[in-house]
Amino acid sequence: MNPNVKRLLGLMLVIIVCLCCTTAPFRTFAALPSQLRLFEGEHKELHLVMPVHAKATVDRPDILRVNGENRPSFDLSLQQPISLQSSQSGQAELKLKLFGGIPLKTLKVNVVPNLRVIPGGQTIGVKVKSAGILVVGHHLVHVSPDNKISPGEAAGVRLGDLIMSMNGIRLNDVSKVADIVKQAGESKKPLELIIRRGETEVKTQLTPAYDTEDKTWRLGLYIRDSAAGVGTLTFYAPDQGVYGALGHVITDMDTQSPIVVGQGEIVQSNVTSISKSQNGEPGEKRAHFLKESRVLGNIERNTPFGIFGKMTATPDHSLFKEPIPVAFSEEVQEGPAEMLTVVNGQQVERFKIEIAHLTKQSTPATKGMVIRITDPRLLQKTGGIVQGMSGSPIIQNGKLIGAVTHVFVNDPSSGYGCFIEWMLQDAGVVLSAPQTWGLQGKVHAQRAPSPFSLSKSTPMSNLYESARIM
């Protein structure tokens, strides 16, 4: 064949392929996922818009019905929408073949139990006791007029360490420490410390020093055992008796290390005023615990996605009396949504927001969406996202999709949100991750650099107890 003819045919073939790639059917087919998640009883349509017929086979028609068929094999037209109807939880596989034999698409469908929760939005008081004694600083002890030392620092105790026990005595209250230190100092014996440092356990010896100014025995450490503040309830699940709040981890204000929860509780809280956000300076909700507050629930876990525990009392002022559906992360769309939060007293209100950007996440990560406040009244009242607003639920198309987590420091009208399914997993309400048939490991993505602006987590308003010198 003439070389020029070969080149011409090759060019024509390239043009044909390029034209095919720009057609609606090809783009629709390319966008079709290889894995799909559905709730029990959920209906979904797939639009291929291809002018051909195909043979469909379903390995589990008892779990997934296609076009209403309960047979394992049948023909269908790809010109028409393909209707998927889930019947019960489990996994099913749908295969499409052209002309009865040419593989076109294999779709794995994971059907999970139907889940509904009640969105929150209430401002809550948070009281946390750590699982040990948290070291938040080193302190110099006056052992003589011209000599100051820190026994804790000399013993290798670091900021952020959690002292679990001293001389075999389990610690969960700073009031226990003084007597133990005094006894060790007077007996001239070092203390045996067991410390939790991250995920590891460290053992060390610390010899107390006598403070000649205060006339007492010291460790040379600043320590703390509790924290308190206000945040926002994201959801509570009546059927499971659990809740989720805040949308991000609680960290110690001095060490920025996550607080390991020993025990804690959430109570009713009342917003008294708002400090407005400005460019470069996020504002905050000012609130206090109500004297007559009921304990709404306990705190069992403090994770990158917030605090979680058992809900023992239904919170007041909810906008929803009945549970609503939740959305998988892949269902969330850019566009209008609404946020529930409190800006005065205890009344939960709806405010308009815009989901400006979405990040596809196959494993849990905290910054799944960029949100922008569009409600004029909220912007006038708060200037945008303020501290204490984290955990405010986000609703789109009648489904709970996520929670507010961060504010952009240089643009307080915008911030980050996390997908609700990651919070539900940490609450013990399990949803399968989008790219596997099982659960994925956690990925801590807090405070990652933003392509839009610098960001800052929107913590509960800090009312931390002062560190005690020991």
Protein backbone atom coordinates (compact mmCIF):
# COMPACT_ATOMS: atom_id res chain seq x y z
CA MET A 1 0.00 0.00 0.00
CA ASN A 2 1.17 3.48 -0.85
CA PRO A 3 2.81 5.11 2.24
CA ASN A 4 0.76 8.28 1.66
CA VAL A 5 -2.45 6.24 1.73
CA LYS A 6 -1.35 4.58 4.96
CA ARG A 7 -0.72 7.95 6.55
CA LEU A 8 -4.09 9.24 5.33
CA LEU A 9 -5.92 6.19 6.72
CA GLY A 10 -4.05 6.54 10.04
CA LEU A 11 -4.99 10.22 10.24
CA MET A 12 -8.62 9.42 9.50
CA LEU A 13 -8.61 6.72 12.19
CA VAL A 14 -7.20 9.17 14.75
CA ILE A 15 -9.86 11.74 13.81
CA ILE A 16 -12.62 9.14 14.14
CA VAL A 17 -11.36 8.05 17.57
CA CYS A 18 -11.14 11.67 18.74
CA LEU A 19 -14.65 12.38 17.51
CA CYS A 20 -15.96 9.28 19.28
CA CYS A 21 -14.30 10.34 22.49
CA THR A 22 -16.18 13.64 22.41
CA THR A 23 -19.61 12.07 22.00
CA ALA A 24 -22.08 12.02 24.87
CA PRO A 25 -22.32 8.19 24.98
CA PHE A 26 -18.55 7.82 25.30
CA ARG A 27 -18.29 10.48 28.02
CA THR A 28 -21.18 8.91 29.91
CA PHE A 29 -19.61 5.45 29.65
CA ALA A 30 -16.20 6.75 30.77
CA ALA A 31 -17.80 8.39 33.81
CA LEU A 32 -19.63 5.21 34.81
CA PRO A 33 -18.05 3.88 38.05
CA SER A 34 -16.79 0.32 38.39
CA GLN A 35 -18.14 0.19 41.95
CA LEU A 36 -21.38 1.55 43.35
CA ARG A 37 -22.93 1.77 46.80
CA LEU A 38 -26.64 1.71 47.52
CA PHE A 39 -28.76 1.64 50.65
CA GLU A 40 -31.37 -1.08 51.05
CA GLY A 41 -34.47 -0.21 49.04
CA GLU A 42 -32.71 2.56 47.11
CA HIS A 43 -33.37 3.13 43.41
CA LYS A 44 -30.76 4.45 40.98
CA GLU A 45 -30.60 4.89 37.21
CA LEU A 46 -27.56 4.56 34.95
CA HIS A 47 -27.62 6.46 31.65
CA LEU A 48 -25.32 5.04 28.98
CA VAL A 49 -27.29 6.40 25.98
CA MET A 50 -25.73 3.90 23.58
CA PRO A 51 -27.81 2.80 20.55
CA VAL A 52 -27.11 -0.91 21.07
CA HIS A 53 -28.49 -3.90 22.95
CA ALA A 54 -26.53 -5.85 25.52
CA LYS A 55 -26.81 -8.97 27.61
CA ALA A 56 -26.91 -8.37 31.36
CA THR A 57 -26.00 -10.94 34.01
CA VAL A 58 -26.45 -10.46 37.76
CA ASP A 59 -24.88 -12.93 40.16
CA ARG A 60 -27.22 -11.99 43.03
CA PRO A 61 -30.67 -10.99 41.72
CA ASP A 62 -31.97 -11.40 45.28
CA ILE A 63 -29.81 -8.41 46.25
CA LEU A 64 -29.98 -6.31 43.07
CA ARG A 65 -32.78 -6.09 40.52
CA VAL A 66 -31.99 -4.61 37.12
CA ASN A 67 -34.92 -3.11 35.19
CA GLY A 68 -37.21 -4.94 37.60
CA GLU A 69 -35.88 -8.38 36.55
CA ASN A 70 -35.19 -11.05 39.16
CA ARG A 71 -33.56 -13.35 36.60
CA PRO A 72 -29.77 -13.83 36.52
CA SER A 73 -29.53 -13.15 32.76
CA PHE A 74 -31.56 -11.09 30.25
CA ASP A 75 -31.24 -8.65 27.35
CA LEU A 76 -31.66 -4.89 27.62
CA SER A 77 -31.31 -1.75 25.50
CA LEU A 78 -28.47 0.61 26.43
CA GLN A 79 -30.41 3.41 24.72
CA GLN A 80 -32.75 3.43 27.72
CA PRO A 81 -31.79 4.14 31.36
CA ILE A 82 -30.73 1.07 33.34
CA SER A 83 -32.76 0.88 36.54
CA LEU A 84 -31.07 -0.55 39.66
CA GLN A 85 -33.17 -1.48 42.69
CA SER A 86 -31.52 -2.83 45.86
CA SER A 87 -33.48 -5.37 47.91
CA GLN A 88 -31.23 -6.39 50.82
CA SER A 89 -27.72 -5.78 52.08
CA GLY A 90 -24.86 -7.65 50.45
CA GLN A 91 -22.71 -7.52 47.31
CA ALA A 92 -23.82 -8.10 43.73
CA GLU A 93 -22.05 -7.94 40.40
CA LEU A 94 -23.61 -6.71 37.15
CA LYS A 95 -21.93 -7.59 33.84
CA LEU A 96 -22.85 -6.07 30.47
CA LYS A 97 -21.80 -7.76 27.23
CA LEU A 98 -22.33 -6.50 23.68
CA PHE A 99 -23.71 -8.92 21.11
CA GLY A 100 -23.90 -11.56 23.81
CA GLY A 101 -20.14 -12.01 24.18
CA ILE A 102 -18.03 -8.84 24.06
CA PRO A 103 -17.39 -7.57 27.64
CA LEU A 104 -18.49 -3.95 28.00
CA LYS A 105 -18.73 -3.18 31.73
CA THR A 106 -18.54 -4.93 35.09
CA LEU A 107 -20.20 -3.07 37.95
CA LYS A 108 -19.80 -4.18 41.56
CA VAL A 109 -22.67 -3.03 43.77
CA ASN A 110 -22.41 -2.94 47.55
CA VAL A 111 -25.80 -2.67 49.29
CA VAL A 112 -25.65 -1.53 52.92
CA PRO A 113 -28.44 -1.37 55.52
CA ASN A 114 -30.64 1.69 55.28
CA LEU A 115 -29.45 4.46 57.60
CA ARG A 116 -31.19 7.61 58.82
CA VAL A 117 -30.06 10.07 61.48
CA ILE A 118 -31.37 13.31 62.98
CA PRO A 119 -29.25 16.36 62.06
CA GLY A 120 -28.11 18.46 65.02
CA GLY A 121 -26.92 22.04 64.85
CA GLN A 122 -27.34 22.64 68.61
CA THR A 123 -24.52 24.34 70.49
CA ILE A 124 -23.31 21.90 73.14
CA GLY A 125 -21.05 22.17 76.15
CA VAL A 126 -18.15 19.71 76.09
CA LYS A 127 -16.39 18.46 79.23
CA VAL A 128 -13.45 16.12 78.78
CA LYS A 129 -11.20 14.30 81.24
CA SER A 130 -8.05 12.87 79.70
CA ALA A 131 -7.07 9.23 80.15
CA GLY A 132 -4.04 10.34 82.18
CA ILE A 133 -2.17 13.50 83.19
CA LEU A 134 -1.17 15.59 80.18
CA VAL A 135 2.21 17.35 80.25
CA VAL A 136 1.81 20.83 78.76
CA GLY A 137 5.08 22.49 79.77
CA HIS A 138 8.34 22.37 81.72
CA HIS A 139 8.78 24.36 84.92
CA LEU A 140 12.03 25.39 86.60
CA VAL A 141 12.26 24.57 90.32
CA HIS A 142 14.30 26.82 92.64
CA VAL A 143 16.48 24.24 94.42
CA SER A 144 18.83 26.96 95.70
CA PRO A 145 19.08 30.76 95.35
CA ASP A 146 21.30 30.42 92.29
CA ASN A 147 20.17 27.12 90.82
CA LYS A 148 16.97 26.17 89.00
CA ILE A 149 16.25 22.79 87.41
CA SER A 150 13.37 20.92 85.81
CA PRO A 151 13.38 17.28 87.03
CA GLY A 152 10.73 16.38 84.44
CA GLU A 153 12.77 17.68 81.54
CA ALA A 154 15.91 15.99 82.89
CA ALA A 155 14.00 12.69 83.04
CA GLY A 156 13.09 12.99 79.35
CA VAL A 157 9.41 13.84 79.86
CA ARG A 158 8.16 15.70 76.78
CA LEU A 159 5.35 18.14 76.06
CA GLY A 160 2.29 16.18 74.96
CA ASP A 161 3.23 13.11 77.00
CA LEU A 162 0.38 11.48 78.90
CA ILE A 163 1.46 10.24 82.32
CA MET A 164 -0.62 7.12 82.94
CA SER A 165 0.74 6.09 86.33
CA MET A 166 3.24 6.95 89.07
CA ASN A 167 4.70 4.15 91.20
CA GLY A 168 1.95 1.89 89.90
CA ILE A 169 -0.85 4.27 90.90
CA ARG A 170 -3.21 4.94 87.99
CA LEU A 171 -3.65 8.67 87.35
CA ASN A 172 -6.77 10.42 86.08
CA ASP A 173 -6.86 13.46 88.35
CA VAL A 174 -4.17 16.07 89.05
CA SER A 175 -5.26 16.22 92.69
CA LYS A 176 -3.68 12.80 93.23
CA VAL A 177 -0.26 13.92 92.05
CA ALA A 178 0.80 16.22 94.92
CA ASP A 179 0.68 13.53 97.62
CA ILE A 180 2.56 11.00 95.46
CA VAL A 181 5.28 13.55 94.66
CA LYS A 182 5.60 14.62 98.31
CA GLN A 183 5.92 11.03 99.49
CA ALA A 184 8.61 10.26 96.88
CA GLY A 185 10.52 13.46 97.67
CA GLU A 186 10.57 12.89 101.41
CA SER A 187 11.66 9.26 100.98
CA LYS A 188 14.42 10.31 98.54
CA LYS A 189 13.21 7.76 96.00
CA PRO A 190 12.60 8.37 92.28
CA LEU A 191 9.11 8.00 90.85
CA GLU A 192 8.45 5.21 88.36
CA LEU A 193 6.50 6.80 85.50
CA ILE A 194 4.59 5.03 82.74
CA ILE A 195 3.98 7.47 79.89
CA ARG A 196 1.89 7.21 76.75
CA ARG A 197 3.71 8.98 73.92
CA GLY A 198 1.68 8.76 70.72
CA GLU A 199 1.07 5.07 70.17
CA THR A 200 4.01 3.90 72.30
CA GLU A 201 4.50 3.34 76.02
CA VAL A 202 7.57 4.83 77.69
CA LYS A 203 8.94 4.08 81.18
CA THR A 204 11.19 6.50 83.02
CA GLN A 205 12.30 7.54 86.49
CA LEU A 206 11.82 11.05 87.83
CA THR A 207 13.30 12.35 91.08
CA PRO A 208 11.26 15.25 92.57
CA ALA A 209 13.11 18.41 93.58
CA TYR A 210 12.38 20.55 96.63
CA ASP A 211 11.32 24.11 95.76
CA THR A 212 13.02 26.35 98.33
CA GLU A 213 10.73 29.27 97.48
CA ASP A 214 7.35 27.49 97.64
CA LYS A 215 8.49 24.99 100.29
CA THR A 216 7.12 21.99 98.40
CA TRP A 217 8.25 19.07 96.25
CA ARG A 218 8.04 19.61 92.48
CA LEU A 219 8.24 17.60 89.26
CA GLY A 220 9.18 20.64 87.17
CA LEU A 221 6.13 20.15 84.95
CA TYR A 222 2.94 21.94 84.00
CA ILE A 223 0.16 19.36 83.89
CA ARG A 224 -3.54 19.28 83.01
CA ASP A 225 -6.21 16.60 83.24
CA SER A 226 -9.32 18.19 81.74
CA ALA A 227 -10.73 20.61 79.19
CA ALA A 228 -14.08 22.25 78.56
CA GLY A 229 -15.65 24.33 75.84
CA VAL A 230 -18.53 24.64 73.41
CA GLY A 231 -19.03 23.13 69.97
CA THR A 232 -21.81 21.98 67.66
CA LEU A 233 -23.70 18.69 67.57
CA THR A 234 -23.62 17.19 64.06
CA PHE A 235 -26.05 14.27 64.32
CA TYR A 236 -27.60 11.72 66.59
CA ALA A 237 -28.85 8.31 65.54
CA PRO A 238 -31.87 7.22 67.61
CA ASP A 239 -31.76 3.60 66.43
CA GLN A 240 -28.11 3.15 67.41
CA GLY A 241 -28.19 5.54 70.39
CA VAL A 242 -25.00 7.35 69.29
CA TYR A 243 -24.02 10.88 68.27
CA GLY A 244 -21.21 12.77 66.53
CA ALA A 245 -20.05 16.36 67.05
CA LEU A 246 -17.34 18.95 66.20
CA GLY A 247 -16.07 17.39 62.95
CA HIS A 248 -12.42 17.59 64.08
CA VAL A 249 -10.21 16.35 66.88
CA ILE A 250 -10.00 18.19 70.22
CA THR A 251 -6.39 19.16 70.86
CA ASP A 252 -4.71 20.64 73.92
CA MET A 253 -4.32 24.38 73.42
CA ASP A 254 -0.66 24.40 74.56
CA THR A 255 0.79 21.26 72.98
CA GLN A 256 -1.64 20.89 70.04
CA SER A 257 -1.67 17.16 70.76
CA PRO A 258 -4.97 15.27 70.58
CA ILE A 259 -6.60 14.70 73.97
CA VAL A 260 -6.92 11.00 74.79
CA VAL A 261 -10.36 10.77 76.37
CA GLY A 262 -10.71 9.01 79.70
CA GLN A 263 -14.24 10.19 80.28
CA GLY A 264 -16.42 13.12 79.35
CA GLU A 265 -19.90 14.41 78.69
CA ILE A 266 -21.85 16.79 76.50
CA VAL A 267 -24.48 19.16 77.92
CA GLN A 268 -26.81 21.88 76.74
CA SER A 269 -25.24 25.27 76.05
CA ASN A 270 -26.49 28.77 75.29
CA VAL A 271 -24.93 31.22 72.79
CA THR A 272 -24.73 34.68 74.36
CA SER A 273 -22.92 36.63 71.62
CA ILE A 274 -20.84 36.35 68.45
CA SER A 275 -17.40 37.81 67.80
CA LYS A 276 -17.47 38.39 64.01
CA SER A 277 -14.84 36.90 61.72
CA GLN A 278 -12.61 39.25 59.76
CA ASN A 279 -9.92 38.62 57.16
CA GLY A 280 -6.94 37.23 59.06
CA GLU A 281 -8.87 36.75 62.32
CA PRO A 282 -11.62 34.12 62.72
CA GLY A 283 -14.35 35.09 65.19
CA GLU A 284 -16.02 32.86 67.74
CA LYS A 285 -19.27 31.96 69.43
CA ARG A 286 -19.44 33.05 73.04
CA ALA A 287 -21.53 30.61 75.03
CA HIS A 288 -21.96 29.17 78.50
CA PHE A 289 -23.21 25.93 79.99
CA LEU A 290 -26.73 26.17 81.33
CA LYS A 291 -27.01 25.67 85.08
CA GLU A 292 -30.01 23.43 84.54
CA SER A 293 -28.29 21.58 81.69
CA ARG A 294 -29.11 17.96 81.22
CA VAL A 295 -26.31 15.61 80.35
CA LEU A 296 -27.04 14.68 76.74
CA GLY A 297 -24.45 11.94 76.39
CA ASN A 298 -20.97 10.69 77.24
CA ILE A 299 -17.73 11.09 75.30
CA GLU A 300 -16.03 7.83 74.37
CA ARG A 301 -13.76 8.79 71.48
CA ASN A 302 -11.88 11.85 70.24
CA THR A 303 -10.85 11.29 66.60
CA PRO A 304 -9.79 13.40 63.61
CA PHE A 305 -13.52 13.65 62.80
CA GLY A 306 -14.76 14.84 66.19
CA ILE A 307 -16.10 13.44 69.43
CA PHE A 308 -18.42 10.45 69.64
CA GLY A 309 -20.32 8.57 72.32
CA LYS A 310 -23.68 7.37 73.55
CA MET A 311 -26.64 9.76 73.43
CA THR A 312 -28.66 9.39 76.64
CA ALA A 313 -31.11 12.31 76.24
CA THR A 314 -32.67 13.86 73.14
CA PRO A 315 -31.40 17.43 72.69
CA ASP A 316 -33.95 20.24 72.52
CA HIS A 317 -34.54 22.70 69.67
CA SER A 318 -33.98 20.24 66.82
CA LEU A 319 -35.36 21.30 63.42
CA PHE A 320 -36.05 17.65 62.60
CA LYS A 321 -38.42 15.42 64.53
CA GLU A 322 -37.78 12.41 62.31
CA PRO A 323 -34.48 11.01 60.98
CA ILE A 324 -33.42 11.87 57.42
CA PRO A 325 -31.24 9.92 54.94
CA VAL A 326 -27.48 10.31 54.81
CA ALA A 327 -25.42 10.57 51.63
CA PHE A 328 -22.35 8.69 50.51
CA SER A 329 -19.44 10.97 49.60
CA GLU A 330 -19.89 10.25 45.88
CA GLU A 331 -23.47 11.54 46.03
CA VAL A 332 -22.44 15.03 47.17
CA GLN A 333 -22.56 17.65 44.39
CA GLU A 334 -21.10 21.08 43.91
CA GLY A 335 -23.81 23.68 44.28
CA PRO A 336 -26.37 24.93 46.81
CA ALA A 337 -26.71 23.37 50.27
CA GLU A 338 -27.66 24.50 53.76
CA MET A 339 -25.99 24.55 57.13
CA LEU A 340 -27.66 24.19 60.53
CA THR A 341 -26.22 26.13 63.46
CA VAL A 342 -27.04 28.43 66.40
CA VAL A 343 -26.14 32.12 66.41
CA ASN A 344 -28.31 33.25 69.32
CA GLY A 345 -29.54 31.42 72.41
CA GLN A 346 -30.34 27.79 71.69
CA GLN A 347 -32.42 28.02 68.53
CA VAL A 348 -31.07 26.05 65.56
CA GLU A 349 -31.47 27.88 62.23
CA ARG A 350 -30.98 27.09 58.54
CA PHE A 351 -28.47 29.11 56.51
CA LYS A 352 -27.65 28.94 52.80
CA ILE A 353 -24.19 27.86 51.70
CA GLU A 354 -22.52 26.82 48.46
CA ILE A 355 -20.35 23.73 47.99
CA ALA A 356 -17.59 25.22 45.86
CA HIS A 357 -15.27 22.23 45.45
CA LEU A 358 -15.24 18.49 46.17
CA THR A 359 -12.31 16.15 46.72
CA LYS A 360 -12.76 12.50 45.80
CA GLN A 361 -11.86 10.40 48.82
CA SER A 362 -11.59 6.62 48.86
CA THR A 363 -10.35 6.64 52.46
CA PRO A 364 -11.28 8.86 55.42
CA ALA A 365 -9.80 12.37 55.29
CA THR A 366 -11.00 15.53 56.98
CA LYS A 367 -11.10 18.06 54.14
CA GLY A 368 -13.56 16.65 51.64
CA MET A 369 -15.33 19.80 50.49
CA VAL A 370 -14.79 23.52 50.23
CA ILE A 371 -17.85 25.45 51.37
CA ARG A 372 -18.80 29.11 51.05
CA ILE A 373 -21.36 30.97 53.17
CA THR A 374 -23.88 32.70 50.88
CA ASP A 375 -26.61 33.56 53.37
CA PRO A 376 -26.63 37.40 53.75
CA ARG A 377 -28.08 37.24 57.26
CA LEU A 378 -25.37 34.86 58.52
CA LEU A 379 -22.62 36.92 56.89
CA GLN A 380 -24.01 40.03 58.55
CA LYS A 381 -24.23 38.31 61.94
CA THR A 382 -20.95 36.36 62.03
CA GLY A 383 -18.82 37.50 59.09
CA GLY A 384 -18.72 33.88 57.92
CA ILE A 385 -17.48 30.77 59.73
CA VAL A 386 -16.53 31.30 63.38
CA GLN A 387 -14.94 29.16 66.07
CA GLY A 388 -17.53 27.01 67.80
CA MET A 389 -19.34 26.47 64.47
CA SER A 390 -17.35 23.33 63.69
CA GLY A 391 -19.60 20.31 63.57
CA SER A 392 -22.51 22.27 62.09
CA PRO A 393 -24.36 19.79 59.86
CA ILE A 394 -24.54 20.33 56.08
CA ILE A 395 -27.66 19.20 54.21
CA GLN A 396 -28.15 18.85 50.46
CA ASN A 397 -31.17 17.47 48.56
CA GLY A 398 -32.79 16.39 51.80
CA LYS A 399 -29.79 14.31 52.92
CA LEU A 400 -27.15 14.89 55.61
CA ILE A 401 -23.87 15.08 53.69
CA GLY A 402 -21.24 16.46 56.06
CA ALA A 403 -20.12 18.92 58.71
CA VAL A 404 -18.19 22.20 58.88
CA THR A 405 -14.59 21.69 60.07
CA HIS A 406 -12.30 24.60 59.09
CA VAL A 407 -12.36 28.29 58.23
CA PHE A 408 -10.07 30.00 55.71
CA VAL A 409 -8.17 32.61 57.71
CA ASN A 410 -7.86 34.99 54.75
CA ASP A 411 -11.52 34.52 53.74
CA PRO A 412 -13.77 33.64 56.71
CA SER A 413 -16.80 33.29 54.42
CA SER A 414 -15.25 30.03 53.18
CA GLY A 415 -13.86 26.90 54.77
CA TYR A 416 -13.69 23.12 54.71
CA GLY A 417 -16.18 20.42 55.52
CA CYS A 418 -15.85 16.66 55.99
CA PHE A 419 -18.14 13.99 54.53
CA ILE A 420 -20.67 12.60 56.97
CA GLU A 421 -19.82 8.97 56.25
CA TRP A 422 -16.41 9.32 57.92
CA MET A 423 -18.07 10.66 61.07
CA LEU A 424 -20.61 7.83 60.96
CA GLN A 425 -17.80 5.27 60.81
CA ASP A 426 -16.12 6.78 63.88
CA ALA A 427 -19.48 6.79 65.67
CA GLY A 428 -19.69 3.03 65.11
CA VAL A 429 -22.27 3.26 62.33
CA VAL A 430 -20.41 1.40 59.60
CA LEU A 431 -20.59 2.33 55.92
CA SER A 432 -18.42 0.57 53.34
CA ALA A 433 -15.72 2.72 51.76
CA PRO A 434 -16.26 3.53 48.06
CA GLN A 435 -13.28 1.68 46.59
CA THR A 436 -13.38 -1.59 48.56
CA TRP A 437 -15.79 -4.14 49.96
CA GLY A 438 -14.66 -3.40 53.53
CA LEU A 439 -13.43 -0.63 55.81
CA GLN A 440 -10.41 1.49 55.04
CA GLY A 441 -7.77 2.73 57.45
CA LYS A 442 -7.99 6.26 58.78
CA VAL A 443 -6.03 9.03 57.12
CA HIS A 444 -5.35 12.10 59.26
CA ALA A 445 -5.41 15.08 56.91
CA GLN A 446 -5.80 17.93 59.36
CA ARG A 447 -4.17 21.26 58.68
CA ALA A 448 -3.02 20.24 55.23
CA PRO A 449 -2.00 23.14 52.97
CA SER A 450 -4.92 24.51 50.97
CA PRO A 451 -4.74 25.46 47.30
CA PHE A 452 -7.24 28.23 48.02
CA SER A 453 -6.00 29.89 51.20
CA LEU A 454 -4.50 29.27 54.58
CA SER A 455 -6.96 27.49 56.83
CA LYS A 456 -7.53 27.01 60.51
CA SER A 457 -9.61 24.44 62.32
CA THR A 458 -12.72 25.91 63.91
CA PRO A 459 -12.41 24.48 67.42
CA MET A 460 -14.90 24.55 70.21
CA SER A 461 -14.59 27.88 72.02
CA ASN A 462 -11.70 27.35 74.43
CA LEU A 463 -12.53 27.35 78.13
CA TYR A 464 -9.65 25.08 79.12
CA GLU A 465 -8.71 24.74 82.76
CA SER A 466 -5.40 26.28 83.70
CA ALA A 467 -2.37 24.03 83.82
CA ARG A 468 -1.21 23.18 87.30
CA ILE A 469 2.44 23.51 88.34
CA MET A 470 3.89 20.30 89.77
